Each structure stands twice: as C-alpha cells, then as structure tokens.
All heavy atoms as atom14 arrays in JSON, in Angstrom:
{
  "sequence": "ILANDQGITEVAFQQGKVAIDVLADYCVDAQQYPTHLDEAIKQLTEY",
  "atom14_mask": [
    [1, 1, 1, 1, 1, 1, 1, 1, 0, 0, 0, 0, 0, 0],
    [1, 1, 1, 1, 1, 1, 1, 1, 0, 0, 0, 0, 0, 0],
    [1, 1, 1, 1, 1, 0, 0, 0, 0, 0, 0, 0, 0, 0],
    [1, 1, 1, 1, 1, 1, 1, 1, 0, 0, 0, 0, 0, 0],
    [1, 1, 1, 1, 1, 1, 1, 1, 0, 0, 0, 0, 0, 0],
    [1, 1, 1, 1, 1, 1, 1, 1, 1, 0, 0, 0, 0, 0],
    [1, 1, 1, 1, 0, 0, 0, 0, 0, 0, 0, 0, 0, 0],
    [1, 1, 1, 1, 1, 1, 1, 1, 0, 0, 0, 0, 0, 0],
    [1, 1, 1, 1, 1, 1, 1, 0, 0, 0, 0, 0, 0, 0],
    [1, 1, 1, 1, 1, 1, 1, 1, 1, 0, 0, 0, 0, 0],
    [1, 1, 1, 1, 1, 1, 1, 0, 0, 0, 0, 0, 0, 0],
    [1, 1, 1, 1, 1, 0, 0, 0, 0, 0, 0, 0, 0, 0],
    [1, 1, 1, 1, 1, 1, 1, 1, 1, 1, 1, 0, 0, 0],
    [1, 1, 1, 1, 1, 1, 1, 1, 1, 0, 0, 0, 0, 0],
    [1, 1, 1, 1, 1, 1, 1, 1, 1, 0, 0, 0, 0, 0],
    [1, 1, 1, 1, 0, 0, 0, 0, 0, 0, 0, 0, 0, 0],
    [1, 1, 1, 1, 1, 1, 1, 1, 1, 0, 0, 0, 0, 0],
    [1, 1, 1, 1, 1, 1, 1, 0, 0, 0, 0, 0, 0, 0],
    [1, 1, 1, 1, 1, 0, 0, 0, 0, 0, 0, 0, 0, 0],
    [1, 1, 1, 1, 1, 1, 1, 1, 0, 0, 0, 0, 0, 0],
    [1, 1, 1, 1, 1, 1, 1, 1, 0, 0, 0, 0, 0, 0],
    [1, 1, 1, 1, 1, 1, 1, 0, 0, 0, 0, 0, 0, 0],
    [1, 1, 1, 1, 1, 1, 1, 1, 0, 0, 0, 0, 0, 0],
    [1, 1, 1, 1, 1, 0, 0, 0, 0, 0, 0, 0, 0, 0],
    [1, 1, 1, 1, 1, 1, 1, 1, 0, 0, 0, 0, 0, 0],
    [1, 1, 1, 1, 1, 1, 1, 1, 1, 1, 1, 1, 0, 0],
    [1, 1, 1, 1, 1, 1, 0, 0, 0, 0, 0, 0, 0, 0],
    [1, 1, 1, 1, 1, 1, 1, 0, 0, 0, 0, 0, 0, 0],
    [1, 1, 1, 1, 1, 1, 1, 1, 0, 0, 0, 0, 0, 0],
    [1, 1, 1, 1, 1, 0, 0, 0, 0, 0, 0, 0, 0, 0],
    [1, 1, 1, 1, 1, 1, 1, 1, 1, 0, 0, 0, 0, 0],
    [1, 1, 1, 1, 1, 1, 1, 1, 1, 0, 0, 0, 0, 0],
    [1, 1, 1, 1, 1, 1, 1, 1, 1, 1, 1, 1, 0, 0],
    [1, 1, 1, 1, 1, 1, 1, 0, 0, 0, 0, 0, 0, 0],
    [1, 1, 1, 1, 1, 1, 1, 0, 0, 0, 0, 0, 0, 0],
    [1, 1, 1, 1, 1, 1, 1, 1, 1, 1, 0, 0, 0, 0],
    [1, 1, 1, 1, 1, 1, 1, 1, 0, 0, 0, 0, 0, 0],
    [1, 1, 1, 1, 1, 1, 1, 1, 0, 0, 0, 0, 0, 0],
    [1, 1, 1, 1, 1, 1, 1, 1, 1, 0, 0, 0, 0, 0],
    [1, 1, 1, 1, 1, 0, 0, 0, 0, 0, 0, 0, 0, 0],
    [1, 1, 1, 1, 1, 1, 1, 1, 0, 0, 0, 0, 0, 0],
    [1, 1, 1, 1, 1, 1, 1, 1, 1, 0, 0, 0, 0, 0],
    [1, 1, 1, 1, 1, 1, 1, 1, 1, 0, 0, 0, 0, 0],
    [1, 1, 1, 1, 1, 1, 1, 1, 0, 0, 0, 0, 0, 0],
    [1, 1, 1, 1, 1, 1, 1, 0, 0, 0, 0, 0, 0, 0],
    [1, 1, 1, 1, 1, 1, 1, 1, 1, 0, 0, 0, 0, 0],
    [1, 1, 1, 1, 1, 1, 1, 1, 1, 1, 1, 1, 0, 0]
  ],
  "atom14_positions": [
    [[104.8, 187.61, 112.13], [104.65, 188.45, 113.31], [103.17, 188.71, 113.47], [102.54, 189.27, 112.56], [105.4, 189.79, 113.14], [106.84, 189.57, 112.71], [105.33, 190.61, 114.44], [107.53, 190.82, 112.21], [0.0, 0.0, 0.0], [0.0, 0.0, 0.0], [0.0, 0.0, 0.0], [0.0, 0.0, 0.0], [0.0, 0.0, 0.0], [0.0, 0.0, 0.0]],
    [[102.6, 188.28, 114.58], [101.18, 188.46, 114.83], [101.0, 189.4, 116.01], [101.8, 189.4, 116.95], [100.49, 187.12, 115.13], [100.18, 186.24, 113.92], [101.42, 185.63, 113.32], [99.19, 185.17, 114.29], [0.0, 0.0, 0.0], [0.0, 0.0, 0.0], [0.0, 0.0, 0.0], [0.0, 0.0, 0.0], [0.0, 0.0, 0.0], [0.0, 0.0, 0.0]],
    [[99.93, 190.18, 115.95], [99.65, 191.13, 117.02], [98.15, 191.28, 117.17], [97.38, 191.04, 116.24], [100.28, 192.49, 116.71], [0.0, 0.0, 0.0], [0.0, 0.0, 0.0], [0.0, 0.0, 0.0], [0.0, 0.0, 0.0], [0.0, 0.0, 0.0], [0.0, 0.0, 0.0], [0.0, 0.0, 0.0], [0.0, 0.0, 0.0], [0.0, 0.0, 0.0]],
    [[97.75, 191.7, 118.37], [96.38, 192.15, 118.58], [96.47, 193.63, 118.93], [97.55, 194.24, 118.79], [95.67, 191.31, 119.66], [96.36, 191.37, 121.02], [97.1, 192.3, 121.34], [96.13, 190.36, 121.84], [0.0, 0.0, 0.0], [0.0, 0.0, 0.0], [0.0, 0.0, 0.0], [0.0, 0.0, 0.0], [0.0, 0.0, 0.0], [0.0, 0.0, 0.0]],
    [[95.39, 194.21, 119.4], [95.42, 195.65, 119.69], [96.27, 195.99, 120.91], [96.66, 197.14, 121.09], [94.0, 196.18, 119.85], [93.24, 196.2, 118.53], [93.87, 196.46, 117.48], [92.02, 195.93, 118.54], [0.0, 0.0, 0.0], [0.0, 0.0, 0.0], [0.0, 0.0, 0.0], [0.0, 0.0, 0.0], [0.0, 0.0, 0.0], [0.0, 0.0, 0.0]],
    [[96.58, 194.98, 121.75], [97.35, 195.24, 122.96], [98.87, 195.08, 122.76], [99.65, 195.72, 123.44], [96.92, 194.29, 124.1], [95.56, 194.61, 124.69], [94.42, 194.25, 123.76], [94.39, 193.16, 123.19], [93.5, 195.18, 123.55], [0.0, 0.0, 0.0], [0.0, 0.0, 0.0], [0.0, 0.0, 0.0], [0.0, 0.0, 0.0], [0.0, 0.0, 0.0]],
    [[99.27, 194.19, 121.86], [100.7, 193.96, 121.69], [100.99, 192.8, 120.76], [100.09, 192.26, 120.11], [0.0, 0.0, 0.0], [0.0, 0.0, 0.0], [0.0, 0.0, 0.0], [0.0, 0.0, 0.0], [0.0, 0.0, 0.0], [0.0, 0.0, 0.0], [0.0, 0.0, 0.0], [0.0, 0.0, 0.0], [0.0, 0.0, 0.0], [0.0, 0.0, 0.0]],
    [[102.25, 192.41, 120.72], [102.7, 191.31, 119.88], [102.28, 190.0, 120.55], [102.53, 189.78, 121.73], [104.24, 191.35, 119.71], [104.7, 192.73, 119.17], [104.72, 190.22, 118.82], [104.04, 193.16, 117.89], [0.0, 0.0, 0.0], [0.0, 0.0, 0.0], [0.0, 0.0, 0.0], [0.0, 0.0, 0.0], [0.0, 0.0, 0.0], [0.0, 0.0, 0.0]],
    [[101.63, 189.13, 119.78], [101.15, 187.86, 120.33], [102.0, 186.68, 119.89], [102.03, 185.66, 120.58], [99.7, 187.59, 119.91], [99.62, 187.55, 118.48], [98.76, 188.67, 120.44], [0.0, 0.0, 0.0], [0.0, 0.0, 0.0], [0.0, 0.0, 0.0], [0.0, 0.0, 0.0], [0.0, 0.0, 0.0], [0.0, 0.0, 0.0], [0.0, 0.0, 0.0]],
    [[102.67, 186.8, 118.76], [103.46, 185.67, 118.28], [104.49, 186.14, 117.26], [104.22, 187.01, 116.45], [102.56, 184.61, 117.64], [103.24, 183.33, 117.3], [102.28, 182.2, 116.94], [101.06, 182.36, 117.09], [102.77, 181.16, 116.49], [0.0, 0.0, 0.0], [0.0, 0.0, 0.0], [0.0, 0.0, 0.0], [0.0, 0.0, 0.0], [0.0, 0.0, 0.0]],
    [[105.67, 185.54, 117.33], [106.7, 185.69, 116.31], [107.16, 184.26, 116.04], [107.69, 183.6, 116.94], [107.88, 186.56, 116.78], [108.99, 186.58, 115.74], [107.41, 187.99, 117.09], [0.0, 0.0, 0.0], [0.0, 0.0, 0.0], [0.0, 0.0, 0.0], [0.0, 0.0, 0.0], [0.0, 0.0, 0.0], [0.0, 0.0, 0.0], [0.0, 0.0, 0.0]],
    [[106.91, 183.76, 114.84], [107.16, 182.35, 114.56], [107.81, 182.16, 113.19], [107.34, 182.71, 112.19], [105.85, 181.57, 114.62], [0.0, 0.0, 0.0], [0.0, 0.0, 0.0], [0.0, 0.0, 0.0], [0.0, 0.0, 0.0], [0.0, 0.0, 0.0], [0.0, 0.0, 0.0], [0.0, 0.0, 0.0], [0.0, 0.0, 0.0], [0.0, 0.0, 0.0]],
    [[108.87, 181.35, 113.19], [109.49, 180.97, 111.93], [108.52, 180.07, 111.18], [107.89, 179.21, 111.77], [110.82, 180.26, 112.18], [111.85, 181.19, 112.74], [112.06, 181.27, 114.1], [112.58, 182.01, 111.9], [113.0, 182.14, 114.62], [113.52, 182.89, 112.4], [113.72, 182.96, 113.77], [0.0, 0.0, 0.0], [0.0, 0.0, 0.0], [0.0, 0.0, 0.0]],
    [[108.41, 180.25, 109.89], [107.42, 179.53, 109.09], [107.9, 178.21, 108.54], [107.11, 177.43, 108.05], [106.91, 180.44, 107.96], [106.14, 181.62, 108.5], [105.03, 181.17, 109.42], [104.03, 180.64, 108.96], [105.19, 181.35, 110.72], [0.0, 0.0, 0.0], [0.0, 0.0, 0.0], [0.0, 0.0, 0.0], [0.0, 0.0, 0.0], [0.0, 0.0, 0.0]],
    [[109.18, 177.94, 108.66], [109.72, 176.66, 108.19], [109.1, 175.53, 109.01], [109.24, 175.47, 110.22], [111.23, 176.68, 108.37], [111.93, 175.47, 107.87], [113.44, 175.63, 108.02], [113.96, 176.72, 108.16], [114.14, 174.52, 108.0], [0.0, 0.0, 0.0], [0.0, 0.0, 0.0], [0.0, 0.0, 0.0], [0.0, 0.0, 0.0], [0.0, 0.0, 0.0]],
    [[108.35, 174.69, 108.35], [107.73, 173.55, 109.02], [106.52, 173.91, 109.86], [106.04, 173.12, 110.65], [0.0, 0.0, 0.0], [0.0, 0.0, 0.0], [0.0, 0.0, 0.0], [0.0, 0.0, 0.0], [0.0, 0.0, 0.0], [0.0, 0.0, 0.0], [0.0, 0.0, 0.0], [0.0, 0.0, 0.0], [0.0, 0.0, 0.0], [0.0, 0.0, 0.0]],
    [[106.0, 175.11, 109.71], [104.86, 175.56, 110.5], [103.63, 175.69, 109.62], [103.6, 175.27, 108.49], [105.17, 176.93, 111.14], [106.3, 176.91, 112.13], [105.82, 176.31, 113.42], [106.91, 176.37, 114.47], [106.53, 175.77, 115.69], [0.0, 0.0, 0.0], [0.0, 0.0, 0.0], [0.0, 0.0, 0.0], [0.0, 0.0, 0.0], [0.0, 0.0, 0.0]],
    [[102.62, 176.36, 110.15], [101.39, 176.62, 109.41], [101.75, 177.32, 108.1], [102.58, 178.23, 108.09], [100.45, 177.54, 110.23], [99.22, 177.91, 109.44], [100.07, 176.85, 111.53], [0.0, 0.0, 0.0], [0.0, 0.0, 0.0], [0.0, 0.0, 0.0], [0.0, 0.0, 0.0], [0.0, 0.0, 0.0], [0.0, 0.0, 0.0], [0.0, 0.0, 0.0]],
    [[101.16, 176.89, 107.04], [101.46, 177.48, 105.73], [101.18, 178.98, 105.73], [100.21, 179.43, 106.32], [100.64, 176.79, 104.64], [0.0, 0.0, 0.0], [0.0, 0.0, 0.0], [0.0, 0.0, 0.0], [0.0, 0.0, 0.0], [0.0, 0.0, 0.0], [0.0, 0.0, 0.0], [0.0, 0.0, 0.0], [0.0, 0.0, 0.0], [0.0, 0.0, 0.0]],
    [[102.03, 179.72, 105.06], [101.88, 181.17, 105.01], [100.55, 181.57, 104.4], [99.93, 182.54, 104.82], [103.07, 181.81, 104.25], [104.35, 181.61, 105.06], [102.83, 183.28, 103.98], [105.61, 182.0, 104.35], [0.0, 0.0, 0.0], [0.0, 0.0, 0.0], [0.0, 0.0, 0.0], [0.0, 0.0, 0.0], [0.0, 0.0, 0.0], [0.0, 0.0, 0.0]],
    [[100.06, 180.81, 103.41], [98.79, 181.18, 102.79], [97.63, 181.06, 103.78], [96.65, 181.78, 103.69], [98.51, 180.38, 101.52], [98.5, 178.87, 101.74], [99.13, 178.39, 102.69], [97.85, 178.18, 100.94], [0.0, 0.0, 0.0], [0.0, 0.0, 0.0], [0.0, 0.0, 0.0], [0.0, 0.0, 0.0], [0.0, 0.0, 0.0], [0.0, 0.0, 0.0]],
    [[97.75, 180.17, 104.77], [96.72, 180.08, 105.82], [96.8, 181.32, 106.7], [95.79, 181.93, 107.05], [96.88, 178.8, 106.66], [95.95, 178.81, 107.85], [96.64, 177.58, 105.79], [0.0, 0.0, 0.0], [0.0, 0.0, 0.0], [0.0, 0.0, 0.0], [0.0, 0.0, 0.0], [0.0, 0.0, 0.0], [0.0, 0.0, 0.0], [0.0, 0.0, 0.0]],
    [[98.03, 181.72, 107.06], [98.19, 182.92, 107.88], [97.69, 184.16, 107.15], [97.21, 185.09, 107.77], [99.66, 183.12, 108.26], [100.18, 182.26, 109.39], [101.67, 182.49, 109.57], [99.44, 182.53, 110.68], [0.0, 0.0, 0.0], [0.0, 0.0, 0.0], [0.0, 0.0, 0.0], [0.0, 0.0, 0.0], [0.0, 0.0, 0.0], [0.0, 0.0, 0.0]],
    [[97.81, 184.17, 105.84], [97.38, 185.33, 105.06], [95.9, 185.64, 105.29], [95.48, 186.78, 105.17], [97.65, 185.11, 103.58], [0.0, 0.0, 0.0], [0.0, 0.0, 0.0], [0.0, 0.0, 0.0], [0.0, 0.0, 0.0], [0.0, 0.0, 0.0], [0.0, 0.0, 0.0], [0.0, 0.0, 0.0], [0.0, 0.0, 0.0], [0.0, 0.0, 0.0]],
    [[95.11, 184.63, 105.66], [93.7, 184.88, 105.96], [93.53, 185.83, 107.13], [92.51, 186.51, 107.26], [92.97, 183.57, 106.27], [92.89, 182.65, 105.05], [93.06, 183.14, 103.92], [92.66, 181.44, 105.26], [0.0, 0.0, 0.0], [0.0, 0.0, 0.0], [0.0, 0.0, 0.0], [0.0, 0.0, 0.0], [0.0, 0.0, 0.0], [0.0, 0.0, 0.0]],
    [[94.54, 185.87, 108.01], [94.47, 186.74, 109.19], [95.04, 188.12, 108.94], [94.86, 189.02, 109.75], [95.22, 186.11, 110.36], [94.59, 184.85, 110.87], [95.1, 183.61, 110.53], [93.47, 184.91, 111.69], [94.52, 182.44, 111.0], [92.88, 183.75, 112.16], [93.4, 182.52, 111.82], [92.83, 181.37, 112.27], [0.0, 0.0, 0.0], [0.0, 0.0, 0.0]],
    [[95.8, 188.25, 107.88], [96.48, 189.51, 107.63], [95.5, 190.62, 107.28], [94.56, 190.43, 106.54], [97.52, 189.35, 106.51], [98.88, 188.29, 106.98], [0.0, 0.0, 0.0], [0.0, 0.0, 0.0], [0.0, 0.0, 0.0], [0.0, 0.0, 0.0], [0.0, 0.0, 0.0], [0.0, 0.0, 0.0], [0.0, 0.0, 0.0], [0.0, 0.0, 0.0]],
    [[95.77, 191.77, 107.84], [94.98, 192.97, 107.6], [95.86, 193.93, 106.81], [97.08, 193.96, 107.01], [94.55, 193.59, 108.95], [93.84, 194.89, 108.75], [93.67, 192.61, 109.71], [0.0, 0.0, 0.0], [0.0, 0.0, 0.0], [0.0, 0.0, 0.0], [0.0, 0.0, 0.0], [0.0, 0.0, 0.0], [0.0, 0.0, 0.0], [0.0, 0.0, 0.0]],
    [[95.28, 194.71, 105.96], [96.02, 195.67, 105.14], [97.0, 196.46, 106.01], [96.67, 196.88, 107.11], [95.03, 196.62, 104.45], [95.74, 197.54, 103.49], [96.38, 198.51, 103.96], [95.68, 197.3, 102.29], [0.0, 0.0, 0.0], [0.0, 0.0, 0.0], [0.0, 0.0, 0.0], [0.0, 0.0, 0.0], [0.0, 0.0, 0.0], [0.0, 0.0, 0.0]],
    [[98.22, 196.66, 105.5], [99.28, 197.32, 106.26], [98.88, 198.71, 106.74], [99.39, 199.18, 107.74], [100.55, 197.41, 105.41], [0.0, 0.0, 0.0], [0.0, 0.0, 0.0], [0.0, 0.0, 0.0], [0.0, 0.0, 0.0], [0.0, 0.0, 0.0], [0.0, 0.0, 0.0], [0.0, 0.0, 0.0], [0.0, 0.0, 0.0], [0.0, 0.0, 0.0]],
    [[97.97, 199.37, 106.06], [97.53, 200.7, 106.5], [96.75, 200.62, 107.81], [96.58, 201.61, 108.49], [96.66, 201.34, 105.43], [97.41, 201.61, 104.14], [96.48, 202.03, 103.01], [95.27, 201.98, 103.13], [97.08, 202.44, 101.91], [0.0, 0.0, 0.0], [0.0, 0.0, 0.0], [0.0, 0.0, 0.0], [0.0, 0.0, 0.0], [0.0, 0.0, 0.0]],
    [[96.31, 199.42, 108.18], [95.53, 199.26, 109.39], [96.34, 198.66, 110.54], [95.79, 198.41, 111.6], [94.32, 198.36, 109.11], [93.37, 198.94, 108.09], [92.24, 197.96, 107.78], [91.94, 197.07, 108.54], [91.62, 198.15, 106.63], [0.0, 0.0, 0.0], [0.0, 0.0, 0.0], [0.0, 0.0, 0.0], [0.0, 0.0, 0.0], [0.0, 0.0, 0.0]],
    [[97.63, 198.41, 110.34], [98.45, 197.83, 111.41], [98.48, 198.75, 112.61], [98.63, 199.97, 112.47], [99.9, 197.65, 110.95], [100.2, 196.48, 110.05], [101.44, 196.37, 109.48], [99.28, 195.48, 109.79], [101.77, 195.3, 108.67], [99.59, 194.4, 108.98], [100.84, 194.33, 108.42], [101.16, 193.28, 107.61], [0.0, 0.0, 0.0], [0.0, 0.0, 0.0]],
    [[98.43, 198.18, 113.81], [98.67, 199.01, 115.0], [100.14, 199.43, 115.01], [101.0, 198.73, 114.45], [98.34, 198.09, 116.17], [98.34, 196.71, 115.63], [98.1, 196.8, 114.15], [0.0, 0.0, 0.0], [0.0, 0.0, 0.0], [0.0, 0.0, 0.0], [0.0, 0.0, 0.0], [0.0, 0.0, 0.0], [0.0, 0.0, 0.0], [0.0, 0.0, 0.0]],
    [[100.43, 200.52, 115.65], [101.78, 201.06, 115.69], [102.79, 200.04, 116.18], [103.9, 199.95, 115.67], [101.82, 202.32, 116.58], [100.85, 203.24, 116.11], [103.18, 202.97, 116.58], [0.0, 0.0, 0.0], [0.0, 0.0, 0.0], [0.0, 0.0, 0.0], [0.0, 0.0, 0.0], [0.0, 0.0, 0.0], [0.0, 0.0, 0.0], [0.0, 0.0, 0.0]],
    [[102.4, 199.24, 117.19], [103.37, 198.28, 117.75], [103.73, 197.18, 116.76], [104.83, 196.64, 116.84], [102.91, 197.71, 119.09], [101.56, 197.09, 119.09], [100.44, 197.8, 119.44], [101.14, 195.85, 118.77], [99.38, 197.01, 119.35], [99.78, 195.82, 118.94], [0.0, 0.0, 0.0], [0.0, 0.0, 0.0], [0.0, 0.0, 0.0], [0.0, 0.0, 0.0]],
    [[102.86, 196.85, 115.81], [103.24, 195.87, 114.79], [104.24, 196.49, 113.82], [105.25, 195.86, 113.46], [102.03, 195.31, 114.05], [102.34, 194.24, 112.99], [103.18, 193.1, 113.54], [101.05, 193.7, 112.41], [0.0, 0.0, 0.0], [0.0, 0.0, 0.0], [0.0, 0.0, 0.0], [0.0, 0.0, 0.0], [0.0, 0.0, 0.0], [0.0, 0.0, 0.0]],
    [[104.0, 197.72, 113.41], [104.98, 198.41, 112.56], [106.33, 198.49, 113.27], [107.38, 198.28, 112.66], [104.5, 199.83, 112.23], [103.39, 199.85, 111.19], [103.34, 198.93, 110.34], [102.57, 200.79, 111.22], [0.0, 0.0, 0.0], [0.0, 0.0, 0.0], [0.0, 0.0, 0.0], [0.0, 0.0, 0.0], [0.0, 0.0, 0.0], [0.0, 0.0, 0.0]],
    [[106.3, 198.78, 114.57], [107.54, 198.89, 115.33], [108.23, 197.53, 115.45], [109.46, 197.44, 115.38], [107.26, 199.49, 116.72], [108.5, 199.8, 117.52], [109.45, 200.81, 116.89], [109.02, 201.67, 116.07], [110.66, 200.74, 117.21], [0.0, 0.0, 0.0], [0.0, 0.0, 0.0], [0.0, 0.0, 0.0], [0.0, 0.0, 0.0], [0.0, 0.0, 0.0]],
    [[107.47, 196.46, 115.61], [108.05, 195.11, 115.67], [108.74, 194.77, 114.35], [109.84, 194.2, 114.35], [106.97, 194.09, 116.0], [0.0, 0.0, 0.0], [0.0, 0.0, 0.0], [0.0, 0.0, 0.0], [0.0, 0.0, 0.0], [0.0, 0.0, 0.0], [0.0, 0.0, 0.0], [0.0, 0.0, 0.0], [0.0, 0.0, 0.0], [0.0, 0.0, 0.0]],
    [[108.1, 195.1, 113.25], [108.7, 194.86, 111.92], [110.03, 195.61, 111.83], [111.05, 195.05, 111.41], [107.74, 195.29, 110.8], [106.49, 194.4, 110.8], [108.44, 195.26, 109.44], [105.33, 194.97, 110.0], [0.0, 0.0, 0.0], [0.0, 0.0, 0.0], [0.0, 0.0, 0.0], [0.0, 0.0, 0.0], [0.0, 0.0, 0.0], [0.0, 0.0, 0.0]],
    [[110.04, 196.86, 112.24], [111.25, 197.68, 112.2], [112.34, 197.09, 113.1], [113.49, 196.93, 112.68], [110.91, 199.11, 112.65], [112.1, 200.04, 112.76], [111.64, 201.41, 113.26], [112.79, 202.34, 113.51], [113.32, 202.24, 114.87], [0.0, 0.0, 0.0], [0.0, 0.0, 0.0], [0.0, 0.0, 0.0], [0.0, 0.0, 0.0], [0.0, 0.0, 0.0]],
    [[111.98, 196.76, 114.34], [112.98, 196.26, 115.28], [113.52, 194.89, 114.87], [114.72, 194.64, 115.0], [112.39, 196.22, 116.69], [112.2, 197.61, 117.28], [111.76, 197.6, 118.73], [112.03, 196.65, 119.48], [111.08, 198.66, 119.16], [0.0, 0.0, 0.0], [0.0, 0.0, 0.0], [0.0, 0.0, 0.0], [0.0, 0.0, 0.0], [0.0, 0.0, 0.0]],
    [[112.67, 194.01, 114.36], [113.15, 192.7, 113.91], [114.03, 192.83, 112.66], [115.03, 192.11, 112.52], [111.98, 191.75, 113.65], [111.37, 191.18, 114.93], [110.0, 190.58, 114.66], [112.3, 190.16, 115.57], [0.0, 0.0, 0.0], [0.0, 0.0, 0.0], [0.0, 0.0, 0.0], [0.0, 0.0, 0.0], [0.0, 0.0, 0.0], [0.0, 0.0, 0.0]],
    [[113.69, 193.75, 111.77], [114.54, 194.01, 110.6], [115.91, 194.49, 111.06], [116.95, 194.03, 110.54], [113.86, 195.04, 109.67], [112.6, 194.5, 109.23], [114.73, 195.37, 108.47], [0.0, 0.0, 0.0], [0.0, 0.0, 0.0], [0.0, 0.0, 0.0], [0.0, 0.0, 0.0], [0.0, 0.0, 0.0], [0.0, 0.0, 0.0], [0.0, 0.0, 0.0]],
    [[115.95, 195.38, 112.03], [117.22, 195.87, 112.59], [118.0, 194.72, 113.24], [119.22, 194.63, 113.1], [116.96, 196.98, 113.6], [116.44, 198.25, 112.98], [115.95, 199.28, 113.99], [115.83, 198.95, 115.19], [115.68, 200.42, 113.57], [0.0, 0.0, 0.0], [0.0, 0.0, 0.0], [0.0, 0.0, 0.0], [0.0, 0.0, 0.0], [0.0, 0.0, 0.0]],
    [[117.3, 193.84, 113.96], [117.94, 192.69, 114.6], [118.63, 191.82, 113.55], [119.8, 191.47, 113.71], [116.9, 191.88, 115.38], [117.42, 190.55, 115.87], [118.17, 190.45, 117.05], [117.2, 189.38, 115.13], [118.66, 189.23, 117.48], [117.69, 188.16, 115.57], [118.42, 188.09, 116.74], [118.91, 186.88, 117.15], [0.0, 0.0, 0.0], [0.0, 0.0, 0.0]]
  ]
}
C-alpha cells in the first residue's frame, strides 16, 4: 500500500511484482504514516 501526502497512490499484490525489499527503500517509519495510510491498512484488513 503506497501513499503520498494527498492520498493512496497504489495498492499492489506483490506476487510476481517488484521485490518487497526494493519497496522497503520507500517505506517510512510507521510513526510517520499519514492518517489516510493508517486508515487504508485498517480498511483493507477489514476487507
């Protein structure tokens, strides 16, 4: 689940996609997530 300061930019299954370790370079500490990314995590977990 990727986001910028405005909203969710991408939700992508990782099977056959860019390696997760490459994406990890973009990850920011969870304490710095914008509220909408936390909410996306919650809503997708509920889904």
